[in-house]
Amino acid sequence: MEIEIITPEKSLYKGEIISAIFPGTDGSFGILNQHAPIISTLKKGDINIIDKNNTPTTFSVEGGVVEVSNNKIIVLAE
């Protein structure tokens, strides 16, 4: 699945991943391949992704919104 993490200043990351864990407003949640469509708000915390090479990467965010649809994740982060 594909992810794009965007801030008001720049694009932080774009690429193919295996999984992602987000700091949701009501608690953290994970996204895997073929996840059902979802839109959620994010609180301050870390977005943890595993890319297609099994390499983990972490991005710290102050909040934002995540949308998952058709195996594509778009994060508008603060």
PDB file of N, CA and C in Angstrom:
ATOM      1  N   MET A   1       0.843  -1.170   0.000  1.00  0.00           N
ATOM      2  CA  MET A   1       0.000   0.000   0.000  1.00  0.00           C
ATOM      3  C   MET A   1       0.890   1.235   0.000  1.00  0.00           C
ATOM      4  N   GLU A   2       0.331   2.339  -0.403  1.00  0.00           N
ATOM      5  CA  GLU A   2       1.098   3.576  -0.550  1.00  0.00           C
ATOM      6  C   GLU A   2       0.721   4.561   0.559  1.00  0.00           C
ATOM      7  N   ILE A   3       1.718   5.318   1.021  1.00  0.00           N
ATOM      8  CA  ILE A   3       1.468   6.352   2.027  1.00  0.00           C
ATOM      9  C   ILE A   3       2.133   7.651   1.596  1.00  0.00           C
ATOM     10  N   GLU A   4       1.488   8.746   1.954  1.00  0.00           N
ATOM     11  CA  GLU A   4       2.078  10.071   1.763  1.00  0.00           C
ATOM     12  C   GLU A   4       1.819  10.871   3.040  1.00  0.00           C
ATOM     13  N   ILE A   5       2.902  11.385   3.629  1.00  0.00           N
ATOM     14  CA  ILE A   5       2.804  12.192   4.847  1.00  0.00           C
ATOM     15  C   ILE A   5       3.201  13.612   4.479  1.00  0.00           C
ATOM     16  N   ILE A   6       2.252  14.542   4.663  1.00  0.00           N
ATOM     17  CA  ILE A   6       2.436  15.932   4.227  1.00  0.00           C
ATOM     18  C   ILE A   6       2.259  16.871   5.415  1.00  0.00           C
ATOM     19  N   THR A   7       3.141  17.875   5.524  1.00  0.00           N
ATOM     20  CA  THR A   7       2.984  18.949   6.498  1.00  0.00           C
ATOM     21  C   THR A   7       2.729  20.237   5.721  1.00  0.00           C
ATOM     22  N   PRO A   8       2.333  21.314   6.395  1.00  0.00           N
ATOM     23  CA  PRO A   8       2.152  22.580   5.670  1.00  0.00           C
ATOM     24  C   PRO A   8       3.429  23.061   4.971  1.00  0.00           C
ATOM     25  N   GLU A   9       4.583  22.660   5.489  1.00  0.00           N
ATOM     26  CA  GLU A   9       5.853  23.111   4.927  1.00  0.00           C
ATOM     27  C   GLU A   9       6.376  22.244   3.787  1.00  0.00           C
ATOM     28  N   LYS A  10       6.156  20.900   3.877  1.00  0.00           N
ATOM     29  CA  LYS A  10       6.774  20.007   2.895  1.00  0.00           C
ATOM     30  C   LYS A  10       6.156  18.613   2.962  1.00  0.00           C
ATOM     31  N   SER A  11       6.527  17.796   1.998  1.00  0.00           N
ATOM     32  CA  SER A  11       6.169  16.381   2.008  1.00  0.00           C
ATOM     33  C   SER A  11       7.245  15.639   2.796  1.00  0.00           C
ATOM     34  N   LEU A  12       6.846  14.929   3.860  1.00  0.00           N
ATOM     35  CA  LEU A  12       7.813  14.213   4.690  1.00  0.00           C
ATOM     36  C   LEU A  12       8.190  12.847   4.136  1.00  0.00           C
ATOM     37  N   TYR A  13       7.207  12.162   3.557  1.00  0.00           N
ATOM     38  CA  TYR A  13       7.468  10.803   3.097  1.00  0.00           C
ATOM     39  C   TYR A  13       6.424  10.406   2.072  1.00  0.00           C
ATOM     40  N   LYS A  14       6.865   9.669   1.065  1.00  0.00           N
ATOM     41  CA  LYS A  14       5.957   9.085   0.084  1.00  0.00           C
ATOM     42  C   LYS A  14       6.568   7.776  -0.368  1.00  0.00           C
ATOM     43  N   GLY A  15       5.801   6.689  -0.284  1.00  0.00           N
ATOM     44  CA  GLY A  15       6.332   5.411  -0.718  1.00  0.00           C
ATOM     45  C   GLY A  15       5.436   4.242  -0.369  1.00  0.00           C
ATOM     46  N   GLU A  16       5.909   3.059  -0.716  1.00  0.00           N
ATOM     47  CA  GLU A  16       5.192   1.813  -0.450  1.00  0.00           C
ATOM     48  C   GLU A  16       5.551   1.297   0.938  1.00  0.00           C
ATOM     49  N   ILE A  17       4.526   0.874   1.687  1.00  0.00           N
ATOM     50  CA  ILE A  17       4.747   0.355   3.037  1.00  0.00           C
ATOM     51  C   ILE A  17       3.972  -0.940   3.246  1.00  0.00           C
ATOM     52  N   ILE A  18       4.341  -1.635   4.321  1.00  0.00           N
ATOM     53  CA  ILE A  18       3.651  -2.860   4.733  1.00  0.00           C
ATOM     54  C   ILE A  18       2.607  -2.543   5.794  1.00  0.00           C
ATOM     55  N   SER A  19       2.968  -1.651   6.745  1.00  0.00           N
ATOM     56  CA  SER A  19       2.044  -1.309   7.830  1.00  0.00           C
ATOM     57  C   SER A  19       2.360   0.068   8.385  1.00  0.00           C
ATOM     58  N   ALA A  20       1.384   0.613   9.122  1.00  0.00           N
ATOM     59  CA  ALA A  20       1.561   1.913   9.769  1.00  0.00           C
ATOM     60  C   ALA A  20       0.771   1.919  11.070  1.00  0.00           C
ATOM     61  N   ILE A  21       1.318   2.587  12.080  1.00  0.00           N
ATOM     62  CA  ILE A  21       0.632   2.779  13.353  1.00  0.00           C
ATOM     63  C   ILE A  21       0.548   4.281  13.608  1.00  0.00           C
ATOM     64  N   PHE A  22      -0.662   4.739  13.951  1.00  0.00           N
ATOM     65  CA  PHE A  22      -0.935   6.162  14.108  1.00  0.00           C
ATOM     66  C   PHE A  22      -1.375   6.502  15.527  1.00  0.00           C
ATOM     67  N   PRO A  23      -1.048   7.723  16.016  1.00  0.00           N
ATOM     68  CA  PRO A  23      -1.519   8.177  17.330  1.00  0.00           C
ATOM     69  C   PRO A  23      -2.908   8.811  17.216  1.00  0.00           C
ATOM     70  N   GLY A  24      -3.932   7.995  17.148  1.00  0.00           N
ATOM     71  CA  GLY A  24      -5.290   8.501  16.993  1.00  0.00           C
ATOM     72  C   GLY A  24      -5.756   9.268  18.220  1.00  0.00           C
ATOM     73  N   THR A  25      -6.696  10.161  18.028  1.00  0.00           N
ATOM     74  CA  THR A  25      -7.232  10.958  19.121  1.00  0.00           C
ATOM     75  C   THR A  25      -7.824  10.072  20.217  1.00  0.00           C
ATOM     76  N   ASP A  26      -8.444   8.954  19.822  1.00  0.00           N
ATOM     77  CA  ASP A  26      -9.049   8.030  20.792  1.00  0.00           C
ATOM     78  C   ASP A  26      -8.166   6.826  21.089  1.00  0.00           C
ATOM     79  N   GLY A  27      -6.904   6.886  20.708  1.00  0.00           N
ATOM     80  CA  GLY A  27      -5.970   5.785  20.940  1.00  0.00           C
ATOM     81  C   GLY A  27      -5.262   5.405  19.659  1.00  0.00           C
ATOM     82  N   SER A  28      -4.129   4.764  19.793  1.00  0.00           N
ATOM     83  CA  SER A  28      -3.353   4.414  18.602  1.00  0.00           C
ATOM     84  C   SER A  28      -4.053   3.285  17.833  1.00  0.00           C
ATOM     85  N   PHE A  29      -3.808   3.254  16.523  1.00  0.00           N
ATOM     86  CA  PHE A  29      -4.401   2.225  15.675  1.00  0.00           C
ATOM     87  C   PHE A  29      -3.459   1.917  14.522  1.00  0.00           C
ATOM     88  N   GLY A  30      -3.569   0.712  14.004  1.00  0.00           N
ATOM     89  CA  GLY A  30      -2.716   0.270  12.918  1.00  0.00           C
ATOM     90  C   GLY A  30      -3.483   0.081  11.629  1.00  0.00           C
ATOM     91  N   ILE A  31      -2.764   0.202  10.520  1.00  0.00           N
ATOM     92  CA  ILE A  31      -3.325   0.016   9.191  1.00  0.00           C
ATOM     93  C   ILE A  31      -2.467  -1.012   8.458  1.00  0.00           C
ATOM     94  N   LEU A  32      -3.124  -2.019   7.893  1.00  0.00           N
ATOM     95  CA  LEU A  32      -2.463  -3.023   7.072  1.00  0.00           C
ATOM     96  C   LEU A  32      -3.059  -2.985   5.669  1.00  0.00           C
ATOM     97  N   ASN A  33      -2.475  -3.766   4.766  1.00  0.00           N
ATOM     98  CA  ASN A  33      -2.937  -3.846   3.390  1.00  0.00           C
ATOM     99  C   ASN A  33      -4.428  -4.195   3.337  1.00  0.00           C
ATOM    100  N   GLN A  34      -5.160  -3.595   2.406  1.00  0.00           N
ATOM    101  CA  GLN A  34      -6.591  -3.818   2.182  1.00  0.00           C
ATOM    102  C   GLN A  34      -7.469  -3.379   3.353  1.00  0.00           C
ATOM    103  N   HIS A  35      -7.013  -2.408   4.142  1.00  0.00           N
ATOM    104  CA  HIS A  35      -7.806  -1.898   5.261  1.00  0.00           C
ATOM    105  C   HIS A  35      -9.065  -1.206   4.735  1.00  0.00           C
ATOM    106  N   ALA A  36     -10.120  -1.281   5.507  1.00  0.00           N
ATOM    107  CA  ALA A  36     -11.364  -0.592   5.142  1.00  0.00           C
ATOM    108  C   ALA A  36     -11.129   0.918   5.132  1.00  0.00           C
ATOM    109  N   PRO A  37     -11.882   1.647   4.323  1.00  0.00           N
ATOM    110  CA  PRO A  37     -11.736   3.113   4.298  1.00  0.00           C
ATOM    111  C   PRO A  37     -11.993   3.711   5.682  1.00  0.00           C
ATOM    112  N   ILE A  38     -11.196   4.714   6.028  1.00  0.00           N
ATOM    113  CA  ILE A  38     -11.315   5.362   7.326  1.00  0.00           C
ATOM    114  C   ILE A  38     -10.761   6.779   7.238  1.00  0.00           C
ATOM    115  N   ILE A  39     -11.334   7.668   8.019  1.00  0.00           N
ATOM    116  CA  ILE A  39     -10.781   9.006   8.234  1.00  0.00           C
ATOM    117  C   ILE A  39     -10.713   9.196   9.734  1.00  0.00           C
ATOM    118  N   SER A  40      -9.558   9.657  10.240  1.00  0.00           N
ATOM    119  CA  SER A  40      -9.394   9.820  11.678  1.00  0.00           C
ATOM    120  C   SER A  40      -8.519  11.030  11.981  1.00  0.00           C
ATOM    121  N   THR A  41      -8.755  11.630  13.142  1.00  0.00           N
ATOM    122  CA  THR A  41      -7.883  12.707  13.603  1.00  0.00           C
ATOM    123  C   THR A  41      -6.726  12.110  14.390  1.00  0.00           C
ATOM    124  N   LEU A  42      -5.615  12.830  14.384  1.00  0.00           N
ATOM    125  CA  LEU A  42      -4.414  12.392  15.090  1.00  0.00           C
ATOM    126  C   LEU A  42      -4.082  13.361  16.207  1.00  0.00           C
ATOM    127  N   LYS A  43      -3.530  12.828  17.295  1.00  0.00           N
ATOM    128  CA  LYS A  43      -3.033  13.670  18.373  1.00  0.00           C
ATOM    129  C   LYS A  43      -1.509  13.688  18.294  1.00  0.00           C
ATOM    130  N   LYS A  44      -0.886  14.447  19.176  1.00  0.00           N
ATOM    131  CA  LYS A  44       0.570  14.506  19.221  1.00  0.00           C
ATOM    132  C   LYS A  44       1.127  13.122  19.530  1.00  0.00           C
ATOM    133  N   GLY A  45       2.110  12.714  18.730  1.00  0.00           N
ATOM    134  CA  GLY A  45       2.711  11.399  18.928  1.00  0.00           C
ATOM    135  C   GLY A  45       3.547  11.000  17.737  1.00  0.00           C
ATOM    136  N   ASP A  46       3.771   9.700  17.603  1.00  0.00           N
ATOM    137  CA  ASP A  46       4.626   9.170  16.543  1.00  0.00           C
ATOM    138  C   ASP A  46       3.824   8.332  15.561  1.00  0.00           C
ATOM    139  N   ILE A  47       4.132   8.516  14.286  1.00  0.00           N
ATOM    140  CA  ILE A  47       3.647   7.634  13.232  1.00  0.00           C
ATOM    141  C   ILE A  47       4.773   6.654  12.961  1.00  0.00           C
ATOM    142  N   ASN A  48       4.488   5.367  13.106  1.00  0.00           N
ATOM    143  CA  ASN A  48       5.487   4.324  12.875  1.00  0.00           C
ATOM    144  C   ASN A  48       5.110   3.542  11.630  1.00  0.00           C
ATOM    145  N   ILE A  49       6.023   3.494  10.670  1.00  0.00           N
ATOM    146  CA  ILE A  49       5.763   2.747   9.445  1.00  0.00           C
ATOM    147  C   ILE A  49       6.824   1.675   9.255  1.00  0.00           C
ATOM    148  N   ILE A  50       6.436   0.628   8.538  1.00  0.00           N
ATOM    149  CA  ILE A  50       7.364  -0.410   8.091  1.00  0.00           C
ATOM    150  C   ILE A  50       7.295  -0.376   6.569  1.00  0.00           C
ATOM    151  N   ASP A  51       8.417  -0.045   5.930  1.00  0.00           N
ATOM    152  CA  ASP A  51       8.392   0.047   4.471  1.00  0.00           C
ATOM    153  C   ASP A  51       8.464  -1.338   3.830  1.00  0.00           C
ATOM    154  N   LYS A  52       8.393  -1.374   2.503  1.00  0.00           N
ATOM    155  CA  LYS A  52       8.336  -2.657   1.795  1.00  0.00           C
ATOM    156  C   LYS A  52       9.610  -3.484   1.966  1.00  0.00           C
ATOM    157  N   ASN A  53      10.693  -2.878   2.463  1.00  0.00           N
ATOM    158  CA  ASN A  53      11.949  -3.595   2.737  1.00  0.00           C
ATOM    159  C   ASN A  53      12.067  -3.994   4.212  1.00  0.00           C
ATOM    160  N   ASN A  54      10.946  -3.904   4.959  1.00  0.00           N
ATOM    161  CA  ASN A  54      10.899  -4.203   6.394  1.00  0.00           C
ATOM    162  C   ASN A  54      11.740  -3.255   7.238  1.00  0.00           C
ATOM    163  N   THR A  55      11.957  -2.040   6.765  1.00  0.00           N
ATOM    164  CA  THR A  55      12.706  -1.032   7.506  1.00  0.00           C
ATOM    165  C   THR A  55      11.736  -0.129   8.265  1.00  0.00           C
ATOM    166  N   PRO A  56      11.868  -0.072   9.600  1.00  0.00           N
ATOM    167  CA  PRO A  56      10.977   0.802  10.376  1.00  0.00           C
ATOM    168  C   PRO A  56      11.435   2.258  10.315  1.00  0.00           C
ATOM    169  N   THR A  57      10.465   3.170  10.285  1.00  0.00           N
ATOM    170  CA  THR A  57      10.729   4.604  10.312  1.00  0.00           C
ATOM    171  C   THR A  57       9.675   5.257  11.192  1.00  0.00           C
ATOM    172  N   THR A  58      10.090   6.286  11.949  1.00  0.00           N
ATOM    173  CA  THR A  58       9.174   6.995  12.839  1.00  0.00           C
ATOM    174  C   THR A  58       9.158   8.479  12.487  1.00  0.00           C
ATOM    175  N   PHE A  59       7.949   9.051  12.480  1.00  0.00           N
ATOM    176  CA  PHE A  59       7.751  10.475  12.248  1.00  0.00           C
ATOM    177  C   PHE A  59       6.971  11.034  13.428  1.00  0.00           C
ATOM    178  N   SER A  60       7.465  12.096  14.042  1.00  0.00           N
ATOM    179  CA  SER A  60       6.755  12.751  15.143  1.00  0.00           C
ATOM    180  C   SER A  60       5.832  13.816  14.576  1.00  0.00           C
ATOM    181  N   VAL A  61       4.575  13.823  15.063  1.00  0.00           N
ATOM    182  CA  VAL A  61       3.598  14.805  14.608  1.00  0.00           C
ATOM    183  C   VAL A  61       2.955  15.481  15.813  1.00  0.00           C
ATOM    184  N   GLU A  62       2.454  16.679  15.592  1.00  0.00           N
ATOM    185  CA  GLU A  62       1.754  17.434  16.634  1.00  0.00           C
ATOM    186  C   GLU A  62       0.244  17.216  16.566  1.00  0.00           C
ATOM    187  N   GLY A  63      -0.206  16.520  15.543  1.00  0.00           N
ATOM    188  CA  GLY A  63      -1.623  16.273  15.309  1.00  0.00           C
ATOM    189  C   GLY A  63      -1.860  16.209  13.822  1.00  0.00           C
ATOM    190  N   GLY A  64      -3.127  16.075  13.427  1.00  0.00           N
ATOM    191  CA  GLY A  64      -3.444  16.059  12.017  1.00  0.00           C
ATOM    192  C   GLY A  64      -4.629  15.169  11.702  1.00  0.00           C
ATOM    193  N   VAL A  65      -4.684  14.749  10.419  1.00  0.00           N
ATOM    194  CA  VAL A  65      -5.777  13.908   9.922  1.00  0.00           C
ATOM    195  C   VAL A  65      -5.178  12.837   9.024  1.00  0.00           C
ATOM    196  N   VAL A  66      -5.741  11.631   9.106  1.00  0.00           N
ATOM    197  CA  VAL A  66      -5.318  10.544   8.218  1.00  0.00           C
ATOM    198  C   VAL A  66      -6.545  10.009   7.476  1.00  0.00           C
ATOM    199  N   GLU A  67      -6.354   9.743   6.179  1.00  0.00           N
ATOM    200  CA  GLU A  67      -7.405   9.145   5.369  1.00  0.00           C
ATOM    201  C   GLU A  67      -6.856   7.888   4.710  1.00  0.00           C
ATOM    202  N   VAL A  68      -7.613   6.798   4.805  1.00  0.00           N
ATOM    203  CA  VAL A  68      -7.242   5.533   4.173  1.00  0.00           C
ATOM    204  C   VAL A  68      -8.341   5.177   3.189  1.00  0.00           C
ATOM    205  N   SER A  69      -7.962   4.922   1.929  1.00  0.00           N
ATOM    206  CA  SER A  69      -8.921   4.541   0.910  1.00  0.00           C
ATOM    207  C   SER A  69      -8.193   3.860  -0.243  1.00  0.00           C
ATOM    208  N   ASN A  70      -8.704   2.714  -0.671  1.00  0.00           N
ATOM    209  CA  ASN A  70      -8.153   1.993  -1.828  1.00  0.00           C
ATOM    210  C   ASN A  70      -6.648   1.748  -1.715  1.00  0.00           C
ATOM    211  N   ASN A  71      -6.208   1.298  -0.553  1.00  0.00           N
ATOM    212  CA  ASN A  71      -4.796   0.977  -0.298  1.00  0.00           C
ATOM    213  C   ASN A  71      -3.870   2.183  -0.413  1.00  0.00           C
ATOM    214  N   LYS A  72      -4.415   3.371  -0.210  1.00  0.00           N
ATOM    215  CA  LYS A  72      -3.607   4.585  -0.183  1.00  0.00           C
ATOM    216  C   LYS A  72      -3.904   5.333   1.118  1.00  0.00           C
ATOM    217  N   ILE A  73      -2.836   5.754   1.787  1.00  0.00           N
ATOM    218  CA  ILE A  73      -2.955   6.503   3.039  1.00  0.00           C
ATOM    219  C   ILE A  73      -2.413   7.902   2.800  1.00  0.00           C
ATOM    220  N   ILE A  74      -3.219   8.900   3.157  1.00  0.00           N
ATOM    221  CA  ILE A  74      -2.777  10.289   3.077  1.00  0.00           C
ATOM    222  C   ILE A  74      -2.847  10.871   4.491  1.00  0.00           C
ATOM    223  N   VAL A  75      -1.711  11.411   4.952  1.00  0.00           N
ATOM    224  CA  VAL A  75      -1.643  12.020   6.283  1.00  0.00           C
ATOM    225  C   VAL A  75      -1.359  13.503   6.103  1.00  0.00           C
ATOM    226  N   LEU A  76      -2.259  14.333   6.641  1.00  0.00           N
ATOM    227  CA  LEU A  76      -2.034  15.778   6.702  1.00  0.00           C
ATOM    228  C   LEU A  76      -1.633  16.061   8.135  1.00  0.00           C
ATOM    229  N   ALA A  77      -0.351  16.260   8.365  1.00  0.00           N
ATOM    230  CA  ALA A  77       0.197  16.354   9.707  1.00  0.00           C
ATOM    231  C   ALA A  77       0.615  17.771  10.058  1.00  0.00           C
ATOM    232  N   GLU A  78       0.561  18.068  11.342  1.00  0.00           N
ATOM    233  CA  GLU A  78       1.042  19.348  11.864  1.00  0.00           C
ATOM    234  C   GLU A  78       2.449  19.164  12.406  1.00  0.00           C
TER     235      GLU A  78
END
